[in-house]
Amino acid sequence: MIIHTLKDCPTARAILTHGGLDGRLLDKEYLHCIDWLEDVMCILDRKAFEDLLTTL
């Protein structure tokens, strides 16, 4: 799953952390990608979330 790839890659994890995602979103276990995206949407502002989706 893409979440595991993002969480396990040190470079991706550093970029996500620098971009404003805190440890809760990177350390918490999610069964579905949509659940992770919903939590990210609550934390990031609209523009940052749009940029994340574009990158993904």
N, C-alpha and C. Protein backbone atom coordinates (compact mmCIF):
# COMPACT_ATOMS: atom_id res chain seq x y z
N MET A 1 0.84 -1.16 0.00
CA MET A 1 0.00 0.00 0.00
C MET A 1 0.90 1.24 0.00
N ILE A 2 0.43 2.29 -0.59
CA ILE A 2 1.23 3.51 -0.72
C ILE A 2 1.59 4.11 0.64
N ILE A 3 0.73 3.95 1.62
CA ILE A 3 1.02 4.52 2.94
C ILE A 3 2.26 3.87 3.52
N HIS A 4 2.36 2.55 3.40
CA HIS A 4 3.52 1.84 3.94
C HIS A 4 4.79 2.28 3.23
N THR A 5 4.71 2.52 1.95
CA THR A 5 5.86 2.99 1.20
C THR A 5 6.31 4.35 1.70
N LEU A 6 5.37 5.24 1.92
CA LEU A 6 5.70 6.58 2.41
C LEU A 6 6.26 6.53 3.82
N LYS A 7 5.72 5.66 4.66
CA LYS A 7 6.14 5.60 6.04
C LYS A 7 7.48 4.90 6.21
N ASP A 8 7.80 3.94 5.33
CA ASP A 8 9.01 3.15 5.47
C ASP A 8 10.22 3.76 4.77
N CYS A 9 10.00 4.65 3.84
CA CYS A 9 11.10 5.28 3.11
C CYS A 9 11.59 6.49 3.91
N PRO A 10 12.84 6.49 4.34
CA PRO A 10 13.34 7.61 5.16
C PRO A 10 13.24 8.96 4.46
N THR A 11 13.48 9.01 3.17
CA THR A 11 13.40 10.27 2.44
C THR A 11 11.97 10.78 2.39
N ALA A 12 11.03 9.89 2.04
CA ALA A 12 9.62 10.28 1.98
C ALA A 12 9.12 10.71 3.35
N ARG A 13 9.52 10.00 4.37
CA ARG A 13 9.10 10.34 5.73
C ARG A 13 9.62 11.72 6.14
N ALA A 14 10.87 12.01 5.80
CA ALA A 14 11.45 13.32 6.11
C ALA A 14 10.71 14.44 5.38
N ILE A 15 10.37 14.21 4.13
CA ILE A 15 9.65 15.21 3.35
C ILE A 15 8.25 15.44 3.92
N LEU A 16 7.56 14.37 4.27
CA LEU A 16 6.22 14.51 4.85
C LEU A 16 6.27 15.23 6.19
N THR A 17 7.27 14.92 7.00
CA THR A 17 7.42 15.59 8.29
C THR A 17 7.72 17.07 8.09
N HIS A 18 8.60 17.37 7.17
CA HIS A 18 8.94 18.77 6.88
C HIS A 18 7.73 19.50 6.31
N GLY A 19 6.88 18.80 5.59
CA GLY A 19 5.70 19.40 4.99
C GLY A 19 4.55 19.63 5.95
N GLY A 20 4.69 19.18 7.18
CA GLY A 20 3.67 19.48 8.18
C GLY A 20 2.93 18.29 8.75
N LEU A 21 3.21 17.09 8.26
CA LEU A 21 2.54 15.92 8.83
C LEU A 21 3.26 15.52 10.11
N ASP A 22 2.50 15.38 11.17
CA ASP A 22 3.12 15.03 12.43
C ASP A 22 3.25 13.51 12.58
N GLY A 23 3.86 13.10 13.66
CA GLY A 23 4.13 11.69 13.90
C GLY A 23 2.89 10.81 13.99
N ARG A 24 1.78 11.39 14.41
CA ARG A 24 0.55 10.58 14.54
C ARG A 24 0.17 9.96 13.21
N LEU A 25 0.27 10.75 12.14
CA LEU A 25 -0.13 10.25 10.83
C LEU A 25 0.89 9.30 10.23
N LEU A 26 2.12 9.41 10.66
CA LEU A 26 3.16 8.55 10.12
C LEU A 26 3.33 7.28 10.94
N ASP A 27 2.93 7.31 12.20
CA ASP A 27 3.11 6.15 13.07
C ASP A 27 1.85 5.32 13.26
N LYS A 28 0.69 5.93 13.08
CA LYS A 28 -0.59 5.24 13.27
C LYS A 28 -0.81 4.22 12.15
N GLU A 29 -1.40 3.11 12.49
CA GLU A 29 -1.70 2.06 11.50
C GLU A 29 -3.08 2.31 10.90
N TYR A 30 -3.15 2.27 9.59
CA TYR A 30 -4.40 2.46 8.87
C TYR A 30 -4.67 1.22 8.02
N LEU A 31 -5.92 0.79 8.00
CA LEU A 31 -6.29 -0.35 7.17
C LEU A 31 -6.56 0.07 5.73
N HIS A 32 -7.03 1.29 5.55
CA HIS A 32 -7.37 1.77 4.22
C HIS A 32 -6.72 3.12 3.97
N CYS A 33 -6.28 3.31 2.76
CA CYS A 33 -5.63 4.55 2.37
C CYS A 33 -6.55 5.76 2.56
N ILE A 34 -7.82 5.59 2.30
CA ILE A 34 -8.76 6.70 2.42
C ILE A 34 -8.83 7.21 3.86
N ASP A 35 -8.69 6.33 4.83
CA ASP A 35 -8.69 6.74 6.23
C ASP A 35 -7.50 7.65 6.52
N TRP A 36 -6.34 7.29 5.98
CA TRP A 36 -5.15 8.11 6.15
C TRP A 36 -5.34 9.47 5.48
N LEU A 37 -5.88 9.46 4.26
CA LEU A 37 -6.10 10.71 3.54
C LEU A 37 -7.09 11.62 4.27
N GLU A 38 -8.11 11.05 4.89
CA GLU A 38 -9.07 11.85 5.65
C GLU A 38 -8.40 12.52 6.84
N ASP A 39 -7.52 11.79 7.53
CA ASP A 39 -6.81 12.38 8.66
C ASP A 39 -5.85 13.47 8.19
N VAL A 40 -5.18 13.23 7.07
CA VAL A 40 -4.28 14.24 6.51
C VAL A 40 -5.06 15.49 6.14
N MET A 41 -6.23 15.31 5.56
CA MET A 41 -7.06 16.43 5.13
C MET A 41 -7.45 17.31 6.33
N CYS A 42 -7.63 16.71 7.48
CA CYS A 42 -7.99 17.48 8.67
C CYS A 42 -6.83 18.31 9.21
N ILE A 43 -5.61 17.88 8.94
CA ILE A 43 -4.44 18.55 9.49
C ILE A 43 -3.88 19.61 8.53
N LEU A 44 -3.80 19.27 7.26
CA LEU A 44 -3.22 20.19 6.29
C LEU A 44 -4.26 21.19 5.78
N ASP A 45 -3.79 22.35 5.37
CA ASP A 45 -4.71 23.29 4.74
C ASP A 45 -5.02 22.80 3.32
N ARG A 46 -5.98 23.43 2.68
CA ARG A 46 -6.47 22.94 1.38
C ARG A 46 -5.37 22.88 0.32
N LYS A 47 -4.57 23.93 0.23
CA LYS A 47 -3.52 23.98 -0.79
C LYS A 47 -2.48 22.90 -0.55
N ALA A 48 -2.07 22.71 0.69
CA ALA A 48 -1.08 21.68 1.01
C ALA A 48 -1.63 20.29 0.70
N PHE A 49 -2.91 20.07 1.00
CA PHE A 49 -3.52 18.77 0.70
C PHE A 49 -3.59 18.54 -0.79
N GLU A 50 -3.95 19.58 -1.56
CA GLU A 50 -3.99 19.45 -3.02
C GLU A 50 -2.61 19.13 -3.57
N ASP A 51 -1.59 19.77 -3.01
CA ASP A 51 -0.21 19.50 -3.46
C ASP A 51 0.19 18.06 -3.13
N LEU A 52 -0.21 17.57 -1.96
CA LEU A 52 0.09 16.19 -1.60
C LEU A 52 -0.58 15.22 -2.57
N LEU A 53 -1.85 15.45 -2.87
CA LEU A 53 -2.56 14.56 -3.80
C LEU A 53 -1.93 14.59 -5.19
N THR A 54 -1.51 15.77 -5.62
CA THR A 54 -0.86 15.88 -6.91
C THR A 54 0.44 15.08 -6.92
N THR A 55 1.19 15.17 -5.83
CA THR A 55 2.45 14.43 -5.72
C THR A 55 2.21 12.93 -5.71
N LEU A 56 1.18 12.51 -4.98
CA LEU A 56 0.90 11.06 -4.92
C LEU A 56 0.47 10.56 -6.28
